[in-house]
Protein backbone atom coordinates (compact mmCIF):
# COMPACT_ATOMS: atom_id res chain seq x y z
CA MET A 1 -4.82 -3.74 -22.68
CA LEU A 2 -2.94 -0.81 -24.31
CA THR A 3 -5.02 1.85 -26.09
CA LEU A 4 -3.02 3.17 -29.08
CA SER A 5 -5.81 4.92 -30.99
CA TYR A 6 -4.84 8.55 -31.59
CA VAL A 7 -2.21 9.96 -33.97
CA TYR A 8 -1.92 13.70 -34.49
CA PHE A 9 0.25 16.63 -35.59
CA GLY A 10 0.58 20.21 -34.32
CA ASN A 11 2.79 22.88 -35.89
CA ARG A 12 4.48 26.09 -34.83
CA LEU A 13 1.58 28.14 -36.27
CA GLY A 14 -0.93 26.55 -33.90
CA GLN A 15 -2.57 24.41 -36.57
CA ALA A 16 -3.50 20.81 -35.74
CA PHE A 17 -4.65 17.62 -37.44
CA GLY A 18 -5.43 14.28 -35.81
CA VAL A 19 -7.07 10.90 -36.45
CA TYR A 20 -8.84 9.25 -33.54
CA ARG A 21 -10.13 5.66 -33.73
CA HIS A 22 -13.25 4.97 -31.69
CA SER A 23 -13.51 1.33 -32.81
CA LEU A 24 -12.38 -0.97 -35.61
CA THR A 25 -14.78 0.76 -38.03
CA GLU A 26 -15.56 4.18 -36.51
CA GLY A 27 -13.06 7.04 -36.73
CA GLU A 28 -12.82 10.78 -36.24
CA LEU A 29 -10.84 13.60 -37.87
CA ARG A 30 -9.88 16.48 -35.59
CA ILE A 31 -8.81 19.59 -37.52
CA LYS A 32 -8.03 23.25 -36.91
CA LEU A 33 -6.55 25.41 -39.67
CA LYS A 34 -6.18 28.62 -37.67
CA ALA A 35 -4.65 29.01 -34.20
CA GLU A 36 -7.64 31.06 -33.00
CA ASP A 37 -10.27 28.57 -34.21
CA PRO A 38 -11.69 25.65 -32.19
CA ARG A 39 -11.11 22.16 -33.52
CA ALA A 40 -13.76 20.63 -35.79
CA PHE A 41 -14.58 16.96 -35.27
CA TYR A 42 -15.61 14.92 -38.34
CA ARG A 43 -16.91 11.35 -37.90
CA PHE A 44 -16.51 8.66 -40.58
CA THR A 45 -17.12 4.93 -41.01
CA GLY A 46 -14.54 2.71 -42.72
CA ILE A 47 -11.21 3.72 -44.19
CA SER A 48 -12.93 5.23 -47.25
CA GLY A 49 -15.89 6.72 -45.42
CA GLU A 50 -17.00 10.31 -46.06
CA PRO A 51 -16.17 12.60 -43.08
CA VAL A 52 -19.27 14.25 -41.59
CA LEU A 53 -19.02 17.25 -39.27
CA ALA A 54 -20.12 16.08 -35.81
CA SER A 55 -19.17 18.96 -33.47
CA ARG A 56 -16.80 21.78 -32.73
CA GLU A 57 -14.76 21.92 -29.57
CA ALA A 58 -15.96 24.51 -27.04
CA LYS A 59 -12.64 24.98 -25.27
CA LEU A 60 -9.77 26.34 -27.37
CA PHE A 61 -7.05 23.77 -28.08
CA ASP A 62 -3.56 25.11 -28.83
CA PRO A 63 -1.09 22.28 -29.60
CA ARG A 64 1.88 24.52 -28.79
CA GLU A 65 0.79 24.64 -25.13
CA ARG A 66 0.46 20.88 -24.70
CA PRO A 67 3.11 18.83 -22.78
CA TRP A 68 3.78 16.50 -25.72
CA TYR A 69 4.53 19.39 -28.06
CA ARG A 70 6.91 21.10 -25.65
CA ALA A 71 8.72 17.86 -24.78
CA ALA A 72 9.33 16.87 -28.41
CA ALA A 73 10.24 20.40 -29.51
CA ALA A 74 13.07 20.41 -26.96
CA ALA A 75 14.29 16.88 -27.76
CA SER A 76 16.62 15.81 -30.56
CA ALA A 77 15.04 12.36 -30.86
CA GLN A 78 11.67 10.76 -30.20
CA THR A 79 10.60 10.98 -26.59
CA TRP A 80 7.93 10.05 -24.06
CA THR A 81 6.23 12.85 -22.23
CA ALA A 82 5.56 12.64 -18.54
CA VAL A 83 2.14 11.18 -17.86
CA TYR A 84 -0.50 13.92 -17.94
CA ILE A 85 -4.29 14.43 -17.79
CA ASP A 86 -5.83 14.48 -21.27
CA PHE A 87 -7.32 17.82 -22.32
CA SER A 88 -10.65 16.41 -23.51
CA THR A 89 -11.26 13.16 -21.62
CA ASN A 90 -9.61 13.79 -18.22
CA ASP A 91 -7.87 10.40 -18.52
CA LEU A 92 -4.19 9.83 -17.76
CA VAL A 93 -2.21 9.69 -20.98
CA ALA A 94 1.39 9.03 -22.01
CA THR A 95 2.47 10.40 -25.37
CA ARG A 96 5.34 9.37 -27.62
CA ALA A 97 6.33 12.25 -29.88
CA ARG A 98 9.07 13.51 -32.18
CA ARG A 99 10.00 16.70 -34.00
CA VAL A 100 9.12 17.29 -37.65
CA LEU A 101 11.62 19.35 -39.64
CA GLY A 102 11.17 21.29 -42.86
CA ARG A 103 13.18 20.81 -46.05
CA GLY A 104 15.84 23.17 -44.79
CA GLY A 105 16.10 21.46 -41.40
CA GLU A 106 14.02 24.09 -39.61
CA PHE A 107 11.55 23.04 -36.91
CA GLU A 108 7.99 22.79 -38.24
CA GLY A 109 6.00 20.93 -35.59
CA VAL A 110 5.47 17.71 -33.64
CA VAL A 111 3.86 14.38 -34.56
CA ALA A 112 2.67 12.18 -31.70
CA THR A 113 0.58 9.21 -30.63
CA ASP A 114 -1.27 8.79 -27.34
CA VAL A 115 -1.46 5.80 -25.04
CA LYS A 116 -4.39 6.07 -22.64
CA LEU A 117 -3.60 4.59 -19.24
CA ARG A 118 -7.14 3.97 -18.01
CA ALA A 119 -6.83 0.31 -19.04
CA GLU A 120 -3.56 -0.01 -17.10
CA ASN A 121 -5.18 1.49 -14.00
CA ASP A 122 -8.18 -0.84 -14.35
CA PHE A 123 -5.83 -3.80 -14.78
CA VAL A 124 -3.86 -2.97 -11.62
CA ARG A 125 -7.07 -2.36 -9.64
CA ARG A 126 -8.37 -5.81 -10.62
CA GLN A 127 -5.27 -7.57 -9.29
CA ARG A 128 -5.79 -9.35 -5.97
CA VAL A 129 -2.25 -9.64 -4.65
CA SER A 130 -3.52 -11.04 -1.35
CA GLN A 131 -6.34 -10.32 1.08
CA ASN A 132 -4.76 -7.00 2.11
CA GLY A 133 -2.07 -6.67 -0.58
CA LEU A 134 -1.76 -3.86 -3.09
CA ALA A 135 0.03 -2.88 -6.29
CA PHE A 136 0.79 0.47 -7.84
CA ILE A 137 2.86 2.11 -10.61
CA VAL A 138 4.47 5.55 -10.21
CA GLU A 139 6.73 7.91 -12.10
CA PRO A 140 10.12 8.78 -10.53
CA ASP A 141 8.61 11.90 -8.92
CA GLY A 142 6.01 9.78 -7.13
CA GLN A 143 2.99 10.68 -9.28
CA LEU A 144 0.61 7.71 -9.44
CA ILE A 145 -0.02 6.08 -12.81
CA ALA A 146 -2.14 3.21 -11.48
CA SER A 147 -3.08 1.91 -8.04
CA SER A 148 -5.13 -0.96 -6.68
CA ALA A 149 -5.70 0.93 -3.42
CA GLY A 150 -7.15 4.27 -4.45
CA PRO A 151 -7.60 6.83 -7.27
CA ASN A 152 -4.77 8.41 -9.25
CA ILE A 153 -6.70 11.63 -10.06
CA LYS A 154 -8.79 13.92 -7.87
CA ALA A 155 -11.14 16.81 -8.65
CA LEU A 156 -10.60 20.29 -7.20
CA PRO A 157 -13.49 22.51 -6.04
CA ASP A 158 -13.25 24.55 -9.25
CA GLY A 159 -13.80 21.44 -11.35
CA ARG A 160 -10.21 20.98 -12.46
CA LYS A 161 -8.58 17.59 -12.02
CA ILE A 162 -5.06 17.00 -10.77
CA ARG A 163 -2.88 13.92 -10.34
CA ILE A 164 -2.26 12.30 -6.96
CA SER A 165 1.20 11.53 -5.60
CA ALA A 166 1.81 8.16 -3.93
CA ALA A 167 2.92 10.14 -0.87
CA ASP A 168 -0.56 11.71 -0.72
CA SER A 169 -2.52 8.54 -1.50
CA GLU A 170 -5.70 7.93 0.48
CA SER A 171 -4.16 4.56 1.35
CA PRO A 172 -1.68 4.95 4.26
CA THR A 173 0.00 1.72 3.18
CA VAL A 174 0.68 3.03 -0.34
CA ALA A 175 2.23 6.18 1.14
CA ALA A 176 4.35 4.18 3.60
CA VAL A 177 5.55 1.70 0.97
CA TYR A 178 6.43 4.48 -1.46
CA ALA A 179 8.43 6.29 1.24
CA GLU A 180 10.53 3.14 1.78
CA VAL A 181 10.94 2.59 -1.97
CA ARG A 182 12.08 6.19 -2.47
CA VAL A 183 14.75 5.83 0.25
CA ARG A 184 16.03 2.60 -1.31
CA MET A 185 16.13 4.08 -4.83
CA ALA A 186 18.01 7.16 -3.61
CA ALA A 187 20.80 4.91 -2.31
CA GLN A 188 21.16 2.82 -5.48
CA THR A 189 21.81 3.24 -9.17
CA ALA A 190 19.08 3.03 -11.77
CA ALA A 191 20.51 -0.33 -12.92
CA ALA A 192 20.09 -2.01 -9.53
CA GLY A 193 17.23 -4.19 -10.83
CA ALA A 194 14.32 -5.67 -8.90
CA GLN A 195 14.51 -5.09 -5.13
CA GLU A 196 12.80 -6.44 -2.03
CA LEU A 197 11.80 -4.55 1.13
CA ASN A 198 10.73 -5.71 4.57
CA PHE A 199 9.70 -3.06 7.09
CA PRO A 200 7.12 -2.36 9.82
CA LEU A 201 4.27 0.13 9.54
CA SER A 202 3.60 2.59 12.36
CA ASN A 203 1.11 0.10 13.85
CA GLY A 204 3.80 -2.60 13.99
CA GLN A 205 2.45 -4.60 11.05
CA MET A 206 5.28 -6.08 8.96
CA ILE A 207 5.17 -5.37 5.22
CA HIS A 208 6.84 -7.37 2.44
CA ALA A 209 7.32 -5.43 -0.82
CA ALA A 210 9.08 -5.73 -4.18
CA PHE A 211 9.74 -3.03 -6.76
CA ASP A 212 11.46 -2.61 -10.10
CA ARG A 213 12.41 0.38 -12.24
CA ILE A 214 11.66 0.13 -15.97
CA LYS A 215 13.33 2.47 -18.48
CA ASP A 216 13.71 2.75 -22.24
CA ASP A 217 15.86 4.85 -24.58
CA ALA A 218 13.02 7.28 -25.32
CA GLY A 219 12.73 8.55 -21.76
CA LEU A 220 10.08 6.24 -20.32
CA GLU A 221 10.74 5.54 -16.64
CA TRP A 222 8.19 3.91 -14.34
CA ILE A 223 8.47 2.15 -10.99
CA THR A 224 6.23 -0.89 -10.39
CA VAL A 225 5.55 -1.86 -6.76
CA VAL A 226 3.79 -4.81 -5.12
CA ALA A 227 3.32 -5.09 -1.32
CA MET A 228 1.51 -7.26 1.19
CA PRO A 229 1.33 -7.59 5.00
CA ARG A 230 3.33 -10.39 6.59
CA SER A 231 0.09 -11.84 7.95
CA ASP A 232 -1.20 -12.38 4.38
CA PHE A 233 2.14 -13.79 3.32
CA MET A 234 2.26 -16.40 6.08
CA THR A 235 -1.37 -17.56 5.77
CA GLY A 236 -1.08 -18.36 2.08
CA VAL A 237 2.58 -18.61 1.18
CA THR A 238 2.27 -20.39 -2.15
CA GLU A 239 -0.65 -18.38 -3.50
CA ASN A 240 0.76 -15.04 -2.43
CA LEU A 241 4.29 -15.68 -3.69
CA VAL A 242 2.93 -16.69 -7.06
CA ARG A 243 0.66 -13.66 -7.25
CA THR A 244 3.56 -11.39 -6.30
CA ALA A 245 5.73 -12.87 -9.04
CA VAL A 246 3.01 -12.81 -11.68
CA LEU A 247 1.86 -9.26 -10.88
CA SER A 248 5.42 -7.91 -10.82
CA ALA A 249 6.14 -9.52 -14.18
CA LEU A 250 2.91 -8.32 -15.78
CA ALA A 251 3.28 -4.80 -14.37
CA ALA A 252 6.75 -4.63 -15.87
CA LEU A 253 5.35 -5.98 -19.16
CA VAL A 254 2.94 -3.03 -19.25
CA ALA A 255 5.82 -0.56 -19.07
CA ILE A 256 7.99 -2.38 -21.62
CA ALA A 257 5.08 -2.82 -24.05
CA LEU A 258 4.50 0.96 -24.10
CA GLY A 259 7.91 1.47 -25.69
CA THR A 260 7.85 -1.51 -28.06
CA ARG A 261 4.23 -2.15 -29.08
CA ILE A 262 4.40 0.47 -31.84
CA LEU A 263 7.36 -1.28 -33.46
CA GLY A 264 5.64 -4.69 -33.23
CA TRP A 265 8.77 -6.87 -33.01
CA VAL A 266 8.60 -8.18 -29.44
CA ALA A 267 5.72 -10.68 -29.71
CA ARG A 268 7.89 -13.80 -29.63
CA ASP A 269 9.84 -12.93 -26.46
CA LEU A 270 6.76 -11.55 -24.73
CA LYS A 271 5.15 -14.93 -25.37
CA HIS A 272 8.08 -16.61 -23.59
CA LEU A 273 7.67 -14.29 -20.62
CA SER A 274 3.93 -14.89 -20.52
CA GLU A 275 4.52 -18.64 -20.54
CA ALA A 276 7.00 -18.28 -17.66
CA ALA A 277 4.50 -16.22 -15.66
CA LEU A 278 1.80 -18.85 -16.17
CA ARG A 279 4.17 -21.61 -15.11
CA VAL A 280 5.09 -19.69 -11.95
CA GLY A 281 1.37 -19.30 -11.32
CA ASP A 282 1.12 -23.11 -11.42
CA GLY A 283 3.82 -23.45 -8.77
CA GLN A 284 6.83 -24.06 -11.05
CA LEU A 285 8.97 -21.28 -9.58
CA ASP A 286 12.09 -22.40 -11.44
CA TRP A 287 10.55 -22.47 -14.94
CA PRO A 288 13.17 -21.05 -17.41
CA VAL A 289 12.28 -17.77 -19.08
CA GLY A 290 14.47 -18.40 -22.16
CA VAL A 291 14.88 -14.77 -23.26
CA GLN A 292 18.38 -13.45 -24.05
CA ARG A 293 18.56 -9.90 -25.42
CA PRO A 294 20.29 -6.62 -24.40
CA ASP A 295 17.27 -4.28 -24.42
CA GLU A 296 14.38 -3.61 -22.02
CA ILE A 297 12.73 -6.99 -22.72
CA GLY A 298 15.97 -8.70 -21.75
CA GLN A 299 16.16 -6.58 -18.61
CA LEU A 300 12.61 -7.63 -17.73
CA ALA A 301 13.50 -11.30 -18.28
CA ARG A 302 16.55 -11.01 -16.02
CA SER A 303 14.46 -9.23 -13.38
CA PHE A 304 11.88 -12.00 -13.58
CA GLU A 305 14.58 -14.66 -13.17
CA THR A 306 16.03 -12.77 -10.20
CA MET A 307 12.58 -12.60 -8.63
CA GLN A 308 12.07 -16.34 -9.20
CA GLN A 309 15.32 -17.00 -7.31
CA ARG A 310 14.44 -14.67 -4.44
CA LEU A 311 11.03 -16.25 -4.04
CA GLN A 312 12.81 -19.52 -3.27
CA THR A 313 15.63 -18.20 -1.05
CA ASP A 314 15.87 -17.34 2.64
CA GLY A 315 17.13 -13.77 2.75
CA LEU A 316 19.39 -14.21 5.80
CA THR A 317 21.16 -17.54 5.23
CA GLY A 318 20.96 -17.93 1.47
CA LEU A 319 19.39 -21.38 1.94
CA ALA A 320 16.18 -22.47 0.27
CA ASN A 321 13.12 -21.11 2.08
CA ARG A 322 10.08 -23.04 3.33
CA GLU A 323 8.15 -22.65 0.08
CA ALA A 324 11.02 -23.92 -2.09
CA PHE A 325 11.57 -26.88 0.27
CA MET A 326 7.91 -27.92 0.23
CA LEU A 327 7.73 -27.66 -3.57
CA ARG A 328 10.86 -29.80 -3.94
CA LEU A 329 9.63 -32.36 -1.38
CA ARG A 330 6.22 -32.71 -3.04
CA GLN A 331 7.88 -33.04 -6.44
CA LYS A 332 10.17 -35.76 -5.07
CA ILE A 333 7.19 -37.66 -3.64
CA ARG A 334 5.29 -37.46 -6.94
CA GLN A 335 8.32 -38.77 -8.81
CA ALA A 336 8.80 -41.63 -6.35
CA LEU A 337 5.14 -42.67 -6.47
CA GLN A 338 5.09 -42.48 -10.27
CA ALA A 339 8.31 -44.52 -10.56
CA ALA A 340 6.89 -47.15 -8.20
CA LYS A 341 3.66 -47.29 -10.18
CA GLU A 342 5.46 -47.78 -13.48
CA ALA A 343 7.69 -50.47 -11.97
CA SER A 344 4.78 -52.14 -10.14
CA ALA A 345 6.88 -51.98 -6.97
CA PRO A 346 6.27 -50.54 -3.48
CA ALA A 347 7.01 -46.80 -3.12
CA GLY A 348 10.46 -46.26 -1.62
CA SER A 349 12.01 -49.35 -3.20
CA GLY A 350 14.95 -49.12 -5.58
CA GLU A 351 16.33 -45.60 -5.89
CA SER A 352 13.19 -43.76 -4.78
CA GLY A 353 13.90 -43.91 -1.03
CA PHE A 354 14.64 -40.55 0.58
CA ALA A 355 14.27 -38.83 3.96
CA VAL A 356 13.51 -35.58 5.76
CA LEU A 357 15.48 -34.23 8.73
CA PHE A 358 14.01 -31.60 11.07
CA ILE A 359 16.58 -29.56 13.04
CA ASP A 360 15.99 -27.21 15.98
CA LEU A 361 18.88 -25.38 17.67
CA ASN A 362 19.23 -25.71 21.45
CA ARG A 363 19.20 -22.62 23.67
CA PHE A 364 19.23 -20.24 20.72
CA LYS A 365 17.06 -17.82 22.67
CA LEU A 366 19.92 -17.45 25.18
CA ILE A 367 22.16 -16.06 22.40
CA ASN A 368 19.58 -13.52 21.26
CA ASP A 369 18.80 -12.44 24.84
CA GLN A 370 22.45 -11.99 25.87
CA PHE A 371 24.08 -10.65 22.69
CA GLY A 372 21.24 -9.35 20.54
CA HIS A 373 19.69 -10.41 17.27
CA SER A 374 22.67 -9.36 15.10
CA VAL A 375 24.84 -11.99 16.81
CA GLY A 376 21.93 -14.43 16.58
CA ASP A 377 21.77 -13.81 12.82
CA ARG A 378 25.49 -14.58 12.47
CA VAL A 379 24.96 -17.82 14.36
CA LEU A 380 22.15 -18.83 11.99
CA ILE A 381 24.37 -18.09 8.98
CA GLU A 382 27.18 -20.21 10.50
CA ILE A 383 24.81 -23.11 11.19
CA ALA A 384 23.49 -22.91 7.61
CA GLN A 385 27.05 -23.22 6.27
CA ARG A 386 27.76 -26.22 8.52
CA LEU A 387 24.66 -28.02 7.36
CA ARG A 388 25.59 -27.47 3.72
CA ARG A 389 29.08 -28.89 4.33
CA THR A 390 27.74 -31.91 6.20
CA VAL A 391 25.37 -33.24 3.54
CA ARG A 392 25.86 -34.02 -0.14
CA ALA A 393 25.63 -31.46 -2.94
CA GLN A 394 22.39 -32.97 -4.24
CA ASP A 395 20.67 -32.78 -0.83
CA LEU A 396 18.50 -29.72 -0.17
CA VAL A 397 19.06 -27.65 3.00
CA ALA A 398 16.39 -25.08 3.90
CA ARG A 399 15.58 -22.68 6.72
CA LEU A 400 12.01 -23.34 7.84
CA SER A 401 11.66 -20.40 10.26
CA GLY A 402 13.54 -18.87 13.20
CA ASP A 403 16.17 -21.37 14.36
CA GLU A 404 14.55 -24.36 12.62
CA PHE A 405 16.09 -26.00 9.57
CA VAL A 406 15.05 -28.93 7.36
CA ILE A 407 17.03 -31.17 5.01
CA LEU A 408 15.81 -33.34 2.14
CA LEU A 409 18.20 -36.28 1.72
CA GLU A 410 17.82 -37.21 -1.94
CA ARG A 411 18.70 -40.89 -1.59
CA VAL A 412 18.73 -43.02 1.58
CA GLU A 413 19.46 -46.76 1.44
CA ASN A 414 17.83 -47.71 4.74
CA ARG A 415 17.07 -46.46 8.25
CA ASP A 416 20.58 -47.35 9.53
CA ASN A 417 22.08 -45.13 6.84
CA LEU A 418 19.64 -42.36 7.82
CA GLU A 419 20.64 -42.65 11.48
CA ARG A 420 24.34 -42.25 10.59
CA VAL A 421 23.59 -39.04 8.70
CA ARG A 422 21.45 -37.76 11.58
CA GLN A 423 24.30 -38.35 14.05
CA GLN A 424 26.80 -36.63 11.75
CA ILE A 425 24.59 -33.54 11.68
CA GLN A 426 24.17 -33.56 15.47
CA ALA A 427 27.95 -33.80 15.86
CA ALA A 428 28.43 -30.83 13.50
CA LEU A 429 25.95 -28.77 15.53
CA LYS A 430 27.89 -29.41 18.74
CA GLU A 431 31.05 -27.70 17.47
CA PRO A 432 31.83 -24.29 19.12
CA LEU A 433 30.12 -21.35 17.46
CA LEU A 434 32.72 -19.13 15.79
CA ALA A 435 30.15 -16.34 15.52
CA LEU A 436 30.33 -15.89 19.31
CA GLY A 437 34.09 -15.20 19.18
CA ASN A 438 35.48 -14.77 22.67
CA GLU A 439 32.13 -14.14 24.28
CA SER A 440 31.34 -15.76 27.60
CA LEU A 441 29.10 -18.37 25.99
CA ALA A 442 31.58 -19.37 23.28
CA ASP A 443 32.41 -22.69 24.96
CA THR A 444 28.82 -23.52 25.82
CA ASP A 445 27.53 -26.73 24.23
CA PHE A 446 24.56 -25.47 22.26
CA GLY A 447 24.10 -28.11 19.60
CA GLY A 448 20.69 -29.00 18.27
CA SER A 449 18.02 -31.67 18.13
CA VAL A 450 17.50 -33.60 14.90
CA GLY A 451 14.41 -35.63 14.02
CA GLU A 452 14.11 -37.89 10.99
CA ALA A 453 11.40 -39.32 8.74
CA LEU A 454 11.93 -41.92 6.03
CA PHE A 455 9.80 -42.14 2.90
CA PRO A 456 7.51 -44.05 2.62
CA ASP A 457 7.76 -45.82 6.02
CA ASP A 458 6.95 -42.65 7.99
CA GLY A 459 4.55 -41.09 5.50
CA ASP A 460 3.81 -40.80 1.79
CA ASP A 461 3.01 -37.06 1.66
CA ALA A 462 5.00 -33.95 2.53
CA GLU A 463 2.97 -32.94 5.58
CA SER A 464 3.15 -36.40 7.18
CA LEU A 465 6.92 -36.66 6.70
CA LEU A 466 7.60 -33.20 8.10
CA LYS A 467 5.26 -33.81 11.05
CA LYS A 468 6.95 -37.12 11.88
CA ALA A 469 10.45 -35.62 11.75
CA ASP A 470 9.24 -32.67 13.86
CA ARG A 471 7.86 -34.93 16.60
CA ARG A 472 11.00 -37.05 16.71
CA MET A 473 13.06 -33.89 17.01
CA TYR A 474 11.01 -32.84 20.03
CA GLY A 475 11.40 -36.36 21.45
CA GLN A 476 15.16 -35.82 21.48
CA LYS A 477 14.98 -32.27 22.77
CA PHE A 478 12.94 -33.24 25.86
CA ALA A 479 14.46 -36.68 26.44
CA GLY A 480 16.27 -35.46 29.59
CA GLN A 481 13.10 -34.05 31.20
CA PRO A 482 11.25 -35.92 34.00
CA ASP A 483 9.20 -38.82 32.55
CA GLY A 484 11.06 -38.26 29.28
CA GLY A 485 9.44 -34.83 28.93
CA THR A 486 6.16 -36.47 27.90
CA ALA A 487 3.94 -33.52 28.84
CA LEU A 488 6.24 -30.96 27.22
CA LEU A 489 6.58 -33.11 24.14
CA ARG A 490 2.81 -33.45 23.79
CA ARG A 491 2.29 -29.70 24.09
CA ALA A 492 5.15 -28.90 21.68
CA SER A 493 3.96 -31.47 19.13
CA ASP A 494 0.38 -30.24 19.26
CA SER A 495 1.61 -26.67 18.77
CA SER A 496 3.96 -27.58 15.95
CA ASP A 497 1.20 -29.46 14.08
CA ALA A 498 -0.78 -26.23 13.86
CA SER A 499 1.99 -23.63 13.40
CA ARG A 500 4.64 -25.34 11.32
CA LEU A 501 2.47 -27.43 9.05
CA GLY A 502 -0.58 -25.21 8.71
């Protein structure tokens, strides 16, 4: 994907010499021996081919006026220039350059190599984060390097081309996401690592975004950003989470590879990262990266591992989220069915029996309405901690959505044992809520309703088990209603089948 095909030298007298590779066999020499002369372009075939004059450049090229020359002349070590528009091709280019000194230590000129970024822009534009998702890469000043939602260069009326800032992107979403990213970066250090954002657009649409800042010791600094609307996120959780993780990892790989490709010593660890990205793409969100090093590649690996963890964690309570719970439940079912098949025994026999609990808090809306959502959030955090304390360390507690929680009990002997655990959880939910303090509702019996489903008696797939536990939870919640709350239960169950399990 990277295009490292041009090496050249310019000196303080305005002379220049460069070798440009058009293909594996076709090359070009670009030479000017006097500052006032245009460059002559000589084409050749093969490493020993005879150079043949092909053309002379119409527009005068002075290396001393180019960004790469000025940046390296002012630097004591090799450096990356800011991304700029190439003089001859009008493509975005990043140049790595260093000073060349004479025998007496005096400055003679600059040697450099170009990396064209057209391939990076094409790569980002091809990524389909989600139906309405987007990805882009910017420099710290907001200038676009690549974007899946619009151009990064525009032409002026006089024919000149200039770069586009993310703040001025033709995509309002890109501009809005960048504004939020810039605020977050201003409040944090450069070593803060990968970050997540959740915020509404002006039209009320909720946006989920992730960004990371990639730097190296030669001055390269890019920010990679991926964003999608909440509506996309909720309609395809697994696919979109995986795409977010993979795109973030690959976008960061682009930036790291720019600084290390020339040295050629990162292939092994990049292969580990690529393998991890592919595994995440297959749904194995906890696949180990296996890269331990102190440089930019190691930073990328740690950022990838952090992103893997966040993709499986509820941001408010710290519990597993819906996606992590469903992956774990499906994995547990596959293991149980495989163990039963190998033992030629019914699924659920031996040590493969397990259960799902579906929990819904009672009158939680009353807390939000009377004290506000900040108090409601503290209540959810307190409930999450209670649930963790009530079950075993190997059991998985997750927040499904809102005030709904689910628990995967790793091993359940029988239905009587499951009922005892269910009652223990209901008793824990009835305890006074410390988050309410001395508020008027502090002594109110809120509690919660808990429904259960035992594998394989109540279902042999994840959706069936969750649906069964959900319906039994509603059976308890409406048990005190007239006729046992049959009508309300039917409506709630029908609604939950579509919204919770869809």
